[in-house]
Protein backbone atom coordinates (compact mmCIF):
# COMPACT_ATOMS: atom_id res chain seq x y z
CA UNK A 1 -3.65 -4.31 -19.91
CA UNK A 2 -4.00 -7.68 -20.73
CA UNK A 3 -1.26 -9.73 -22.80
CA UNK A 4 -2.59 -10.60 -26.52
CA UNK A 5 -0.86 -14.05 -26.33
CA UNK A 6 -1.31 -15.58 -22.79
CA UNK A 7 -4.20 -13.32 -21.60
CA UNK A 8 -2.73 -12.32 -18.27
CA UNK A 9 -3.28 -9.07 -16.95
CA UNK A 10 0.13 -6.79 -17.31
CA UNK A 11 1.21 -3.65 -16.19
CA UNK A 12 1.81 -0.71 -18.55
CA UNK A 13 5.10 -0.19 -17.50
CA UNK A 14 6.72 -2.78 -19.61
CA UNK A 15 6.95 -3.24 -23.32
CA UNK A 16 7.32 -7.13 -22.80
CA UNK A 17 4.97 -9.53 -21.13
CA UNK A 18 6.54 -10.88 -17.79
CA UNK A 19 4.81 -14.05 -18.02
CA UNK A 20 5.14 -15.35 -21.68
CA UNK A 21 7.70 -12.92 -23.06
CA UNK A 22 5.72 -11.75 -25.86
CA UNK A 23 5.68 -8.09 -27.17
CA UNK A 24 2.75 -6.16 -26.99
CA UNK A 25 0.81 -5.22 -29.83
CA UNK A 26 1.20 -1.87 -31.78
CA UNK A 27 -1.81 -0.46 -29.77
CA UNK A 28 -0.39 -1.69 -26.68
CA UNK A 29 2.80 -0.34 -27.37
CA UNK A 30 1.33 3.36 -28.07
CA UNK A 31 -0.38 3.19 -24.55
CA UNK A 32 2.84 2.03 -23.10
CA UNK A 33 4.56 4.80 -24.71
CA UNK A 34 1.77 7.58 -23.14
CA UNK A 35 2.02 5.81 -19.80
CA UNK A 36 6.09 6.13 -19.93
CA UNK A 37 6.01 9.50 -20.89
CA UNK A 38 3.56 10.86 -18.42
CA UNK A 39 5.41 8.98 -15.54
CA UNK A 40 8.72 10.93 -16.95
CA UNK A 41 6.60 14.30 -17.10
CA UNK A 42 5.67 13.70 -13.47
CA UNK A 43 9.12 12.78 -12.43
CA UNK A 44 10.44 16.11 -13.96
CA UNK A 45 7.90 18.03 -12.17
CA UNK A 46 8.82 16.62 -8.88
CA UNK A 47 12.22 17.40 -9.88
CA UNK A 48 11.47 21.39 -10.44
CA UNK A 49 9.45 21.55 -7.12
CA UNK A 50 12.05 20.15 -5.30
CA UNK A 51 15.39 20.75 -7.18
CA UNK A 52 18.37 18.70 -6.51
CA UNK A 53 17.78 18.50 -2.82
CA UNK A 54 16.81 15.06 -1.36
CA UNK A 55 13.61 14.75 0.29
CA UNK A 56 13.20 12.90 3.27
CA UNK A 57 10.23 11.54 5.18
CA UNK A 58 9.86 11.36 8.43
CA UNK A 59 6.90 9.76 10.05
CA UNK A 60 4.81 11.78 12.34
CA UNK A 61 5.84 10.57 16.18
CA UNK A 62 2.02 11.52 17.34
CA UNK A 63 0.70 9.06 14.97
CA UNK A 64 2.88 6.43 16.75
CA UNK A 65 1.93 7.65 20.11
CA UNK A 66 -1.62 7.37 19.42
CA UNK A 67 -1.33 3.67 18.38
CA UNK A 68 0.51 2.90 21.47
CA UNK A 69 -2.02 4.47 23.77
CA UNK A 70 -4.70 2.37 21.39
CA UNK A 71 -2.95 -0.74 22.03
CA UNK A 72 -3.18 -0.21 25.70
CA UNK A 73 -6.37 0.81 26.10
CA UNK A 74 -7.44 -2.32 24.25
CA UNK A 75 -5.54 -4.31 26.88
CA UNK A 76 -6.87 -2.78 29.57
CA UNK A 77 -10.40 -3.55 28.22
CA UNK A 78 -9.50 -6.87 27.34
CA UNK A 79 -8.27 -7.66 30.93
CA UNK A 80 -11.61 -5.90 32.42
CA UNK A 81 -13.65 -8.13 30.63
CA UNK A 82 -11.87 -10.92 31.68
CA UNK A 83 -11.94 -10.02 35.15
CA UNK A 84 -15.67 -9.33 34.83
CA UNK A 85 -16.58 -13.26 33.16
CA UNK A 86 -14.65 -14.53 35.97
CA UNK A 87 -16.85 -12.72 38.73
CA UNK A 88 -19.88 -13.63 36.69
CA UNK A 89 -18.83 -17.55 36.61
CA UNK A 90 -17.93 -17.45 40.24
CA UNK A 91 -20.95 -15.66 41.41
CA UNK A 92 -23.28 -18.24 39.14
CA UNK A 93 -21.72 -21.51 40.77
CA UNK A 94 -22.18 -20.36 44.22
């Protein structure tokens, strides 16, 4: 959605343009109200799903291990490539 006054792109999460302070038009306000209502419904559904208990996200340790292995493998490949280049350069200079 764009502000009718300054033309800059604004999200549907506000009733006022953050750039120029203009109020949204009546058409934009309807979109704003619908989006706000939809976001509140989504939050209610999550609350219904999990209740009042807190939900924690724990990163998957296997993904971290895969990244470490990938970086080590890439490091070894770079070192081997440098060694091969040094050997090729030394052979060509003899």
